[in-house]
Amino acid sequence: MPAELGDNSGAFARDQLKAVVERIERLEEEKKALSDDIKDIYAEAKGNGFDVKALREIIRLRKQDRDKRQEHEAIVETYMAALGMLADTPLGRAALERL
């Protein structure tokens, strides 16, 4: 704990500290309210027949940098092809025919 919090001139520092803590607490409350709102929207989407897991994946992907996402997708597709996991798709069958 800083020394200035204990002496006579520490009142200002204590007031600043209290203000910081209270601001953080208010933001934490707002964050909780927003989290609850997001949960409600997902529940509404589920009620309307949308797949919540797919929606969460879309939200996650949209946050990513486009180039990095495309690079990652290319790597995943390469690995899937190496494991024969794309053989059941028209593109996978065409690739196998070329081999």
PDB file of N, CA and C in Angstrom:
ATOM      1  N   MET A   1       0.847  -1.176   0.000  1.00  0.00           N
ATOM      2  CA  MET A   1       0.000   0.000   0.000  1.00  0.00           C
ATOM      3  C   MET A   1       0.891   1.237   0.000  1.00  0.00           C
ATOM      4  N   PRO A   2       0.659   2.210  -0.893  1.00  0.00           N
ATOM      5  CA  PRO A   2       1.502   3.390  -0.948  1.00  0.00           C
ATOM      6  C   PRO A   2       1.494   4.148   0.372  1.00  0.00           C
ATOM      7  N   ALA A   3       2.650   4.735   0.696  1.00  0.00           N
ATOM      8  CA  ALA A   3       2.795   5.457   1.960  1.00  0.00           C
ATOM      9  C   ALA A   3       1.832   6.628   2.055  1.00  0.00           C
ATOM     10  N   GLU A   4       1.546   7.295   0.922  1.00  0.00           N
ATOM     11  CA  GLU A   4       0.686   8.480   0.984  1.00  0.00           C
ATOM     12  C   GLU A   4      -0.740   8.165   1.415  1.00  0.00           C
ATOM     13  N   LEU A   5      -1.128   6.901   1.417  1.00  0.00           N
ATOM     14  CA  LEU A   5      -2.475   6.548   1.853  1.00  0.00           C
ATOM     15  C   LEU A   5      -2.600   6.583   3.369  1.00  0.00           C
ATOM     16  N   GLY A   6      -1.474   6.594   4.076  1.00  0.00           N
ATOM     17  CA  GLY A   6      -1.535   6.553   5.523  1.00  0.00           C
ATOM     18  C   GLY A   6      -1.277   7.888   6.203  1.00  0.00           C
ATOM     19  N   ASP A   7      -0.723   8.881   5.514  1.00  0.00           N
ATOM     20  CA  ASP A   7      -0.429  10.148   6.177  1.00  0.00           C
ATOM     21  C   ASP A   7      -1.564  11.150   5.979  1.00  0.00           C
ATOM     22  N   ASN A   8      -1.351  12.375   6.496  1.00  0.00           N
ATOM     23  CA  ASN A   8      -2.397  13.412   6.431  1.00  0.00           C
ATOM     24  C   ASN A   8      -2.754  13.805   5.009  1.00  0.00           C
ATOM     25  N   SER A   9      -1.783  13.758   4.116  1.00  0.00           N
ATOM     26  CA  SER A   9      -2.067  14.124   2.726  1.00  0.00           C
ATOM     27  C   SER A   9      -2.670  12.954   1.954  1.00  0.00           C
ATOM     28  N   GLY A  10      -2.902  11.852   2.657  1.00  0.00           N
ATOM     29  CA  GLY A  10      -3.422  10.653   2.011  1.00  0.00           C
ATOM     30  C   GLY A  10      -4.905  10.691   1.716  1.00  0.00           C
ATOM     31  N   ALA A  11      -5.607  11.703   2.205  1.00  0.00           N
ATOM     32  CA  ALA A  11      -7.049  11.765   1.965  1.00  0.00           C
ATOM     33  C   ALA A  11      -7.346  11.831   0.475  1.00  0.00           C
ATOM     34  N   PHE A  12      -6.549  12.602  -0.247  1.00  0.00           N
ATOM     35  CA  PHE A  12      -6.757  12.730  -1.689  1.00  0.00           C
ATOM     36  C   PHE A  12      -6.536  11.384  -2.370  1.00  0.00           C
ATOM     37  N   ALA A  13      -5.444  10.698  -2.004  1.00  0.00           N
ATOM     38  CA  ALA A  13      -5.136   9.396  -2.597  1.00  0.00           C
ATOM     39  C   ALA A  13      -6.228   8.383  -2.255  1.00  0.00           C
ATOM     40  N   ARG A  14      -6.727   8.413  -1.019  1.00  0.00           N
ATOM     41  CA  ARG A  14      -7.814   7.485  -0.641  1.00  0.00           C
ATOM     42  C   ARG A  14      -9.058   7.763  -1.461  1.00  0.00           C
ATOM     43  N   ASP A  15      -9.373   9.053  -1.644  1.00  0.00           N
ATOM     44  CA  ASP A  15     -10.547   9.416  -2.445  1.00  0.00           C
ATOM     45  C   ASP A  15     -10.381   8.960  -3.891  1.00  0.00           C
ATOM     46  N   GLN A  16      -9.175   9.099  -4.434  1.00  0.00           N
ATOM     47  CA  GLN A  16      -8.914   8.630  -5.796  1.00  0.00           C
ATOM     48  C   GLN A  16      -9.076   7.122  -5.874  1.00  0.00           C
ATOM     49  N   LEU A  17      -8.513   6.421  -4.915  1.00  0.00           N
ATOM     50  CA  LEU A  17      -8.607   4.967  -4.885  1.00  0.00           C
ATOM     51  C   LEU A  17     -10.061   4.531  -4.805  1.00  0.00           C
ATOM     52  N   LYS A  18     -10.827   5.176  -3.937  1.00  0.00           N
ATOM     53  CA  LYS A  18     -12.242   4.844  -3.792  1.00  0.00           C
ATOM     54  C   LYS A  18     -12.988   5.089  -5.101  1.00  0.00           C
ATOM     55  N   ALA A  19     -12.686   6.195  -5.776  1.00  0.00           N
ATOM     56  CA  ALA A  19     -13.330   6.516  -7.045  1.00  0.00           C
ATOM     57  C   ALA A  19     -13.000   5.465  -8.105  1.00  0.00           C
ATOM     58  N   VAL A  20     -11.746   5.026  -8.154  1.00  0.00           N
ATOM     59  CA  VAL A  20     -11.338   4.003  -9.113  1.00  0.00           C
ATOM     60  C   VAL A  20     -12.100   2.704  -8.851  1.00  0.00           C
ATOM     61  N   VAL A  21     -12.134   2.294  -7.594  1.00  0.00           N
ATOM     62  CA  VAL A  21     -12.828   1.051  -7.228  1.00  0.00           C
ATOM     63  C   VAL A  21     -14.308   1.141  -7.584  1.00  0.00           C
ATOM     64  N   GLU A  22     -14.928   2.266  -7.285  1.00  0.00           N
ATOM     65  CA  GLU A  22     -16.358   2.422  -7.587  1.00  0.00           C
ATOM     66  C   GLU A  22     -16.620   2.422  -9.086  1.00  0.00           C
ATOM     67  N   ARG A  23     -15.720   3.019  -9.869  1.00  0.00           N
ATOM     68  CA  ARG A  23     -15.875   2.985 -11.328  1.00  0.00           C
ATOM     69  C   ARG A  23     -15.785   1.560 -11.850  1.00  0.00           C
ATOM     70  N   ILE A  24     -14.819   0.815 -11.334  1.00  0.00           N
ATOM     71  CA  ILE A  24     -14.669  -0.580 -11.747  1.00  0.00           C
ATOM     72  C   ILE A  24     -15.916  -1.374 -11.372  1.00  0.00           C
ATOM     73  N   GLU A  25     -16.423  -1.162 -10.167  1.00  0.00           N
ATOM     74  CA  GLU A  25     -17.632  -1.879  -9.732  1.00  0.00           C
ATOM     75  C   GLU A  25     -18.818  -1.555 -10.648  1.00  0.00           C
ATOM     76  N   ARG A  26     -18.985  -0.285 -11.017  1.00  0.00           N
ATOM     77  CA  ARG A  26     -20.080   0.096 -11.919  1.00  0.00           C
ATOM     78  C   ARG A  26     -19.925  -0.586 -13.276  1.00  0.00           C
ATOM     79  N   LEU A  27     -18.701  -0.604 -13.795  1.00  0.00           N
ATOM     80  CA  LEU A  27     -18.462  -1.257 -15.084  1.00  0.00           C
ATOM     81  C   LEU A  27     -18.707  -2.764 -15.010  1.00  0.00           C
ATOM     82  N   GLU A  28     -18.332  -3.376 -13.893  1.00  0.00           N
ATOM     83  CA  GLU A  28     -18.605  -4.805 -13.712  1.00  0.00           C
ATOM     84  C   GLU A  28     -20.110  -5.067 -13.718  1.00  0.00           C
ATOM     85  N   GLU A  29     -20.877  -4.193 -13.099  1.00  0.00           N
ATOM     86  CA  GLU A  29     -22.343  -4.331 -13.108  1.00  0.00           C
ATOM     87  C   GLU A  29     -22.887  -4.185 -14.524  1.00  0.00           C
ATOM     88  N   GLU A  30     -22.352  -3.213 -15.269  1.00  0.00           N
ATOM     89  CA  GLU A  30     -22.781  -3.023 -16.655  1.00  0.00           C
ATOM     90  C   GLU A  30     -22.423  -4.234 -17.502  1.00  0.00           C
ATOM     91  N   LYS A  31     -21.218  -4.781 -17.269  1.00  0.00           N
ATOM     92  CA  LYS A  31     -20.778  -5.962 -18.006  1.00  0.00           C
ATOM     93  C   LYS A  31     -21.712  -7.138 -17.735  1.00  0.00           C
ATOM     94  N   LYS A  32     -22.115  -7.309 -16.487  1.00  0.00           N
ATOM     95  CA  LYS A  32     -23.046  -8.389 -16.119  1.00  0.00           C
ATOM     96  C   LYS A  32     -24.390  -8.184 -16.815  1.00  0.00           C
ATOM     97  N   ALA A  33     -24.877  -6.937 -16.838  1.00  0.00           N
ATOM     98  CA  ALA A  33     -26.152  -6.648 -17.492  1.00  0.00           C
ATOM     99  C   ALA A  33     -26.055  -6.939 -18.990  1.00  0.00           C
ATOM    100  N   LEU A  34     -24.951  -6.552 -19.613  1.00  0.00           N
ATOM    101  CA  LEU A  34     -24.762  -6.824 -21.045  1.00  0.00           C
ATOM    102  C   LEU A  34     -24.682  -8.322 -21.309  1.00  0.00           C
ATOM    103  N   SER A  35     -23.988  -9.029 -20.440  1.00  0.00           N
ATOM    104  CA  SER A  35     -23.879 -10.482 -20.579  1.00  0.00           C
ATOM    105  C   SER A  35     -25.259 -11.133 -20.499  1.00  0.00           C
ATOM    106  N   ASP A  36     -26.079 -10.658 -19.578  1.00  0.00           N
ATOM    107  CA  ASP A  36     -27.441 -11.185 -19.450  1.00  0.00           C
ATOM    108  C   ASP A  36     -28.263 -10.867 -20.701  1.00  0.00           C
ATOM    109  N   ASP A  37     -28.083  -9.658 -21.249  1.00  0.00           N
ATOM    110  CA  ASP A  37     -28.796  -9.283 -22.475  1.00  0.00           C
ATOM    111  C   ASP A  37     -28.391 -10.186 -23.639  1.00  0.00           C
ATOM    112  N   ILE A  38     -27.100 -10.463 -23.758  1.00  0.00           N
ATOM    113  CA  ILE A  38     -26.617 -11.342 -24.828  1.00  0.00           C
ATOM    114  C   ILE A  38     -27.198 -12.740 -24.663  1.00  0.00           C
ATOM    115  N   LYS A  39     -27.229 -13.224 -23.432  1.00  0.00           N
ATOM    116  CA  LYS A  39     -27.802 -14.542 -23.161  1.00  0.00           C
ATOM    117  C   LYS A  39     -29.272 -14.579 -23.582  1.00  0.00           C
ATOM    118  N   ASP A  40     -30.000 -13.498 -23.297  1.00  0.00           N
ATOM    119  CA  ASP A  40     -31.411 -13.411 -23.690  1.00  0.00           C
ATOM    120  C   ASP A  40     -31.573 -13.436 -25.211  1.00  0.00           C
ATOM    121  N   ILE A  41     -30.667 -12.765 -25.925  1.00  0.00           N
ATOM    122  CA  ILE A  41     -30.747 -12.744 -27.394  1.00  0.00           C
ATOM    123  C   ILE A  41     -30.496 -14.137 -27.954  1.00  0.00           C
ATOM    124  N   TYR A  42     -29.519 -14.849 -27.395  1.00  0.00           N
ATOM    125  CA  TYR A  42     -29.269 -16.223 -27.840  1.00  0.00           C
ATOM    126  C   TYR A  42     -30.492 -17.104 -27.562  1.00  0.00           C
ATOM    127  N   ALA A  43     -31.126 -16.913 -26.419  1.00  0.00           N
ATOM    128  CA  ALA A  43     -32.324 -17.695 -26.096  1.00  0.00           C
ATOM    129  C   ALA A  43     -33.446 -17.366 -27.083  1.00  0.00           C
ATOM    130  N   GLU A  44     -33.588 -16.099 -27.431  1.00  0.00           N
ATOM    131  CA  GLU A  44     -34.601 -15.697 -28.415  1.00  0.00           C
ATOM    132  C   GLU A  44     -34.304 -16.329 -29.776  1.00  0.00           C
ATOM    133  N   ALA A  45     -33.029 -16.306 -30.164  1.00  0.00           N
ATOM    134  CA  ALA A  45     -32.639 -16.910 -31.443  1.00  0.00           C
ATOM    135  C   ALA A  45     -32.943 -18.403 -31.447  1.00  0.00           C
ATOM    136  N   LYS A  46     -32.649 -19.067 -30.340  1.00  0.00           N
ATOM    137  CA  LYS A  46     -32.939 -20.502 -30.227  1.00  0.00           C
ATOM    138  C   LYS A  46     -34.440 -20.742 -30.336  1.00  0.00           C
ATOM    139  N   GLY A  47     -35.222 -19.874 -29.693  1.00  0.00           N
ATOM    140  CA  GLY A  47     -36.674 -19.985 -29.770  1.00  0.00           C
ATOM    141  C   GLY A  47     -37.207 -19.791 -31.178  1.00  0.00           C
ATOM    142  N   ASN A  48     -36.456 -19.065 -31.997  1.00  0.00           N
ATOM    143  CA  ASN A  48     -36.847 -18.844 -33.385  1.00  0.00           C
ATOM    144  C   ASN A  48     -36.267 -19.894 -34.325  1.00  0.00           C
ATOM    145  N   GLY A  49     -35.642 -20.925 -33.745  1.00  0.00           N
ATOM    146  CA  GLY A  49     -35.164 -22.047 -34.543  1.00  0.00           C
ATOM    147  C   GLY A  49     -33.726 -21.954 -35.015  1.00  0.00           C
ATOM    148  N   PHE A  50     -32.982 -20.962 -34.560  1.00  0.00           N
ATOM    149  CA  PHE A  50     -31.584 -20.850 -34.964  1.00  0.00           C
ATOM    150  C   PHE A  50     -30.703 -21.726 -34.079  1.00  0.00           C
ATOM    151  N   ASP A  51     -29.629 -22.233 -34.647  1.00  0.00           N
ATOM    152  CA  ASP A  51     -28.662 -23.044 -33.927  1.00  0.00           C
ATOM    153  C   ASP A  51     -27.710 -22.105 -33.176  1.00  0.00           C
ATOM    154  N   VAL A  52     -27.796 -22.096 -31.866  1.00  0.00           N
ATOM    155  CA  VAL A  52     -27.023 -21.167 -31.049  1.00  0.00           C
ATOM    156  C   VAL A  52     -25.527 -21.448 -31.162  1.00  0.00           C
ATOM    157  N   LYS A  53     -25.156 -22.699 -31.235  1.00  0.00           N
ATOM    158  CA  LYS A  53     -23.740 -23.036 -31.363  1.00  0.00           C
ATOM    159  C   LYS A  53     -23.172 -22.453 -32.653  1.00  0.00           C
ATOM    160  N   ALA A  54     -23.932 -22.535 -33.732  1.00  0.00           N
ATOM    161  CA  ALA A  54     -23.495 -21.964 -35.008  1.00  0.00           C
ATOM    162  C   ALA A  54     -23.421 -20.442 -34.917  1.00  0.00           C
ATOM    163  N   LEU A  55     -24.383 -19.833 -34.255  1.00  0.00           N
ATOM    164  CA  LEU A  55     -24.360 -18.370 -34.087  1.00  0.00           C
ATOM    165  C   LEU A  55     -23.121 -17.930 -33.308  1.00  0.00           C
ATOM    166  N   ARG A  56     -22.807 -18.657 -32.241  1.00  0.00           N
ATOM    167  CA  ARG A  56     -21.621 -18.317 -31.448  1.00  0.00           C
ATOM    168  C   ARG A  56     -20.351 -18.436 -32.300  1.00  0.00           C
ATOM    169  N   GLU A  57     -20.301 -19.456 -33.146  1.00  0.00           N
ATOM    170  CA  GLU A  57     -19.152 -19.644 -34.031  1.00  0.00           C
ATOM    171  C   GLU A  57     -19.048 -18.485 -35.019  1.00  0.00           C
ATOM    172  N   ILE A  58     -20.164 -18.059 -35.567  1.00  0.00           N
ATOM    173  CA  ILE A  58     -20.166 -16.932 -36.506  1.00  0.00           C
ATOM    174  C   ILE A  58     -19.676 -15.665 -35.813  1.00  0.00           C
ATOM    175  N   ILE A  59     -20.170 -15.412 -34.606  1.00  0.00           N
ATOM    176  CA  ILE A  59     -19.744 -14.232 -33.854  1.00  0.00           C
ATOM    177  C   ILE A  59     -18.235 -14.285 -33.605  1.00  0.00           C
ATOM    178  N   ARG A  60     -17.737 -15.461 -33.235  1.00  0.00           N
ATOM    179  CA  ARG A  60     -16.307 -15.633 -32.979  1.00  0.00           C
ATOM    180  C   ARG A  60     -15.499 -15.376 -34.251  1.00  0.00           C
ATOM    181  N   LEU A  61     -15.968 -15.914 -35.377  1.00  0.00           N
ATOM    182  CA  LEU A  61     -15.251 -15.746 -36.638  1.00  0.00           C
ATOM    183  C   LEU A  61     -15.253 -14.292 -37.111  1.00  0.00           C
ATOM    184  N   ARG A  62     -16.356 -13.601 -36.915  1.00  0.00           N
ATOM    185  CA  ARG A  62     -16.456 -12.207 -37.354  1.00  0.00           C
ATOM    186  C   ARG A  62     -15.539 -11.281 -36.557  1.00  0.00           C
ATOM    187  N   LYS A  63     -15.145 -11.697 -35.370  1.00  0.00           N
ATOM    188  CA  LYS A  63     -14.218 -10.907 -34.557  1.00  0.00           C
ATOM    189  C   LYS A  63     -12.784 -11.006 -35.082  1.00  0.00           C
ATOM    190  N   GLN A  64     -12.499 -12.086 -35.790  1.00  0.00           N
ATOM    191  CA  GLN A  64     -11.131 -12.344 -36.236  1.00  0.00           C
ATOM    192  C   GLN A  64     -10.773 -11.484 -37.445  1.00  0.00           C
ATOM    193  N   ASP A  65      -9.486 -11.247 -37.604  1.00  0.00           N
ATOM    194  CA  ASP A  65      -8.961 -10.596 -38.792  1.00  0.00           C
ATOM    195  C   ASP A  65      -9.238 -11.500 -39.991  1.00  0.00           C
ATOM    196  N   ARG A  66      -9.732 -10.920 -41.087  1.00  0.00           N
ATOM    197  CA  ARG A  66     -10.147 -11.709 -42.249  1.00  0.00           C
ATOM    198  C   ARG A  66      -8.998 -12.546 -42.811  1.00  0.00           C
ATOM    199  N   ASP A  67      -7.828 -11.949 -42.975  1.00  0.00           N
ATOM    200  CA  ASP A  67      -6.698 -12.682 -43.546  1.00  0.00           C
ATOM    201  C   ASP A  67      -6.251 -13.827 -42.648  1.00  0.00           C
ATOM    202  N   LYS A  68      -6.196 -13.572 -41.354  1.00  0.00           N
ATOM    203  CA  LYS A  68      -5.799 -14.634 -40.421  1.00  0.00           C
ATOM    204  C   LYS A  68      -6.829 -15.756 -40.410  1.00  0.00           C
ATOM    205  N   ARG A  69      -8.112 -15.381 -40.496  1.00  0.00           N
ATOM    206  CA  ARG A  69      -9.171 -16.392 -40.524  1.00  0.00           C
ATOM    207  C   ARG A  69      -9.044 -17.256 -41.776  1.00  0.00           C
ATOM    208  N   GLN A  70      -8.814 -16.625 -42.923  1.00  0.00           N
ATOM    209  CA  GLN A  70      -8.684 -17.384 -44.165  1.00  0.00           C
ATOM    210  C   GLN A  70      -7.463 -18.291 -44.139  1.00  0.00           C
ATOM    211  N   GLU A  71      -6.381 -17.806 -43.558  1.00  0.00           N
ATOM    212  CA  GLU A  71      -5.183 -18.629 -43.438  1.00  0.00           C
ATOM    213  C   GLU A  71      -5.460 -19.849 -42.565  1.00  0.00           C
ATOM    214  N   HIS A  72      -6.140 -19.625 -41.441  1.00  0.00           N
ATOM    215  CA  HIS A  72      -6.483 -20.732 -40.542  1.00  0.00           C
ATOM    216  C   HIS A  72      -7.394 -21.738 -41.246  1.00  0.00           C
ATOM    217  N   GLU A  73      -8.399 -21.236 -41.980  1.00  0.00           N
ATOM    218  CA  GLU A  73      -9.323 -22.124 -42.684  1.00  0.00           C
ATOM    219  C   GLU A  73      -8.586 -22.960 -43.734  1.00  0.00           C
ATOM    220  N   ALA A  74      -7.614 -22.358 -44.416  1.00  0.00           N
ATOM    221  CA  ALA A  74      -6.840 -23.097 -45.417  1.00  0.00           C
ATOM    222  C   ALA A  74      -6.037 -24.213 -44.759  1.00  0.00           C
ATOM    223  N   ILE A  75      -5.467 -23.925 -43.605  1.00  0.00           N
ATOM    224  CA  ILE A  75      -4.698 -24.948 -42.890  1.00  0.00           C
ATOM    225  C   ILE A  75      -5.611 -26.083 -42.446  1.00  0.00           C
ATOM    226  N   VAL A  76      -6.784 -25.740 -41.910  1.00  0.00           N
ATOM    227  CA  VAL A  76      -7.734 -26.761 -41.469  1.00  0.00           C
ATOM    228  C   VAL A  76      -8.158 -27.628 -42.654  1.00  0.00           C
ATOM    229  N   GLU A  77      -8.460 -26.998 -43.788  1.00  0.00           N
ATOM    230  CA  GLU A  77      -8.855 -27.766 -44.973  1.00  0.00           C
ATOM    231  C   GLU A  77      -7.726 -28.683 -45.439  1.00  0.00           C
ATOM    232  N   THR A  78      -6.492 -28.202 -45.377  1.00  0.00           N
ATOM    233  CA  THR A  78      -5.351 -29.027 -45.761  1.00  0.00           C
ATOM    234  C   THR A  78      -5.243 -30.242 -44.857  1.00  0.00           C
ATOM    235  N   TYR A  79      -5.383 -30.032 -43.566  1.00  0.00           N
ATOM    236  CA  TYR A  79      -5.320 -31.148 -42.617  1.00  0.00           C
ATOM    237  C   TYR A  79      -6.472 -32.123 -42.843  1.00  0.00           C
ATOM    238  N   MET A  80      -7.675 -31.578 -43.075  1.00  0.00           N
ATOM    239  CA  MET A  80      -8.834 -32.446 -43.300  1.00  0.00           C
ATOM    240  C   MET A  80      -8.639 -33.281 -44.573  1.00  0.00           C
ATOM    241  N   ALA A  81      -8.108 -32.657 -45.603  1.00  0.00           N
ATOM    242  CA  ALA A  81      -7.856 -33.390 -46.844  1.00  0.00           C
ATOM    243  C   ALA A  81      -6.827 -34.488 -46.612  1.00  0.00           C
ATOM    244  N   ALA A  82      -5.780 -34.179 -45.845  1.00  0.00           N
ATOM    245  CA  ALA A  82      -4.747 -35.172 -45.554  1.00  0.00           C
ATOM    246  C   ALA A  82      -5.302 -36.354 -44.775  1.00  0.00           C
ATOM    247  N   LEU A  83      -6.334 -36.104 -43.975  1.00  0.00           N
ATOM    248  CA  LEU A  83      -6.953 -37.161 -43.179  1.00  0.00           C
ATOM    249  C   LEU A  83      -8.103 -37.845 -43.914  1.00  0.00           C
ATOM    250  N   GLY A  84      -8.359 -37.421 -45.142  1.00  0.00           N
ATOM    251  CA  GLY A  84      -9.439 -38.018 -45.925  1.00  0.00           C
ATOM    252  C   GLY A  84     -10.821 -37.570 -45.489  1.00  0.00           C
ATOM    253  N   MET A  85     -10.892 -36.473 -44.787  1.00  0.00           N
ATOM    254  CA  MET A  85     -12.173 -36.019 -44.263  1.00  0.00           C
ATOM    255  C   MET A  85     -12.993 -35.239 -45.289  1.00  0.00           C
ATOM    256  N   LEU A  86     -12.413 -34.911 -46.433  1.00  0.00           N
ATOM    257  CA  LEU A  86     -13.142 -34.172 -47.463  1.00  0.00           C
ATOM    258  C   LEU A  86     -13.562 -35.073 -48.616  1.00  0.00           C
ATOM    259  N   ALA A  87     -13.271 -36.352 -48.511  1.00  0.00           N
ATOM    260  CA  ALA A  87     -13.561 -37.283 -49.597  1.00  0.00           C
ATOM    261  C   ALA A  87     -15.050 -37.414 -49.873  1.00  0.00           C
ATOM    262  N   ASP A  88     -15.904 -37.092 -48.914  1.00  0.00           N
ATOM    263  CA  ASP A  88     -17.340 -37.233 -49.089  1.00  0.00           C
ATOM    264  C   ASP A  88     -17.994 -36.021 -49.748  1.00  0.00           C
ATOM    265  N   THR A  89     -17.212 -35.001 -50.047  1.00  0.00           N
ATOM    266  CA  THR A  89     -17.767 -33.811 -50.681  1.00  0.00           C
ATOM    267  C   THR A  89     -17.474 -33.855 -52.176  1.00  0.00           C
ATOM    268  N   PRO A  90     -18.249 -33.146 -52.993  1.00  0.00           N
ATOM    269  CA  PRO A  90     -17.967 -33.135 -54.433  1.00  0.00           C
ATOM    270  C   PRO A  90     -16.535 -32.661 -54.726  1.00  0.00           C
ATOM    271  N   LEU A  91     -16.084 -31.658 -54.037  1.00  0.00           N
ATOM    272  CA  LEU A  91     -14.711 -31.174 -54.246  1.00  0.00           C
ATOM    273  C   LEU A  91     -13.703 -32.240 -53.836  1.00  0.00           C
ATOM    274  N   GLY A  92     -13.980 -32.925 -52.733  1.00  0.00           N
ATOM    275  CA  GLY A  92     -13.086 -33.974 -52.270  1.00  0.00           C
ATOM    276  C   GLY A  92     -13.029 -35.140 -53.241  1.00  0.00           C
ATOM    277  N   ARG A  93     -14.179 -35.522 -53.782  1.00  0.00           N
ATOM    278  CA  ARG A  93     -14.205 -36.604 -54.769  1.00  0.00           C
ATOM    279  C   ARG A  93     -13.439 -36.211 -56.019  1.00  0.00           C
ATOM    280  N   ALA A  94     -13.600 -34.959 -56.471  1.00  0.00           N
ATOM    281  CA  ALA A  94     -12.887 -34.494 -57.652  1.00  0.00           C
ATOM    282  C   ALA A  94     -11.385 -34.506 -57.402  1.00  0.00           C
ATOM    283  N   ALA A  95     -10.966 -34.119 -56.212  1.00  0.00           N
ATOM    284  CA  ALA A  95      -9.543 -34.129 -55.881  1.00  0.00           C
ATOM    285  C   ALA A  95      -9.002 -35.546 -55.885  1.00  0.00           C
ATOM    286  N   LEU A  96      -9.777 -36.488 -55.345  1.00  0.00           N
ATOM    287  CA  LEU A  96      -9.327 -37.886 -55.329  1.00  0.00           C
ATOM    288  C   LEU A  96      -9.232 -38.453 -56.734  1.00  0.00           C
ATOM    289  N   GLU A  97     -10.152 -38.064 -57.609  1.00  0.00           N
ATOM    290  CA  GLU A  97     -10.110 -38.545 -59.000  1.00  0.00           C
ATOM    291  C   GLU A  97      -8.863 -38.051 -59.717  1.00  0.00           C
ATOM    292  N   ARG A  98      -8.421 -36.856 -59.389  1.00  0.00           N
ATOM    293  CA  ARG A  98      -7.222 -36.299 -60.023  1.00  0.00           C
ATOM    294  C   ARG A  98      -5.977 -37.046 -59.580  1.00  0.00           C
ATOM    295  N   LEU A  99      -6.006 -37.572 -58.374  1.00  0.00           N
ATOM    296  CA  LEU A  99      -4.847 -38.311 -57.863  1.00  0.00           C
ATOM    297  C   LEU A  99      -4.768 -39.638 -58.574  1.00  0.00           C
TER     298      LEU A  99
END
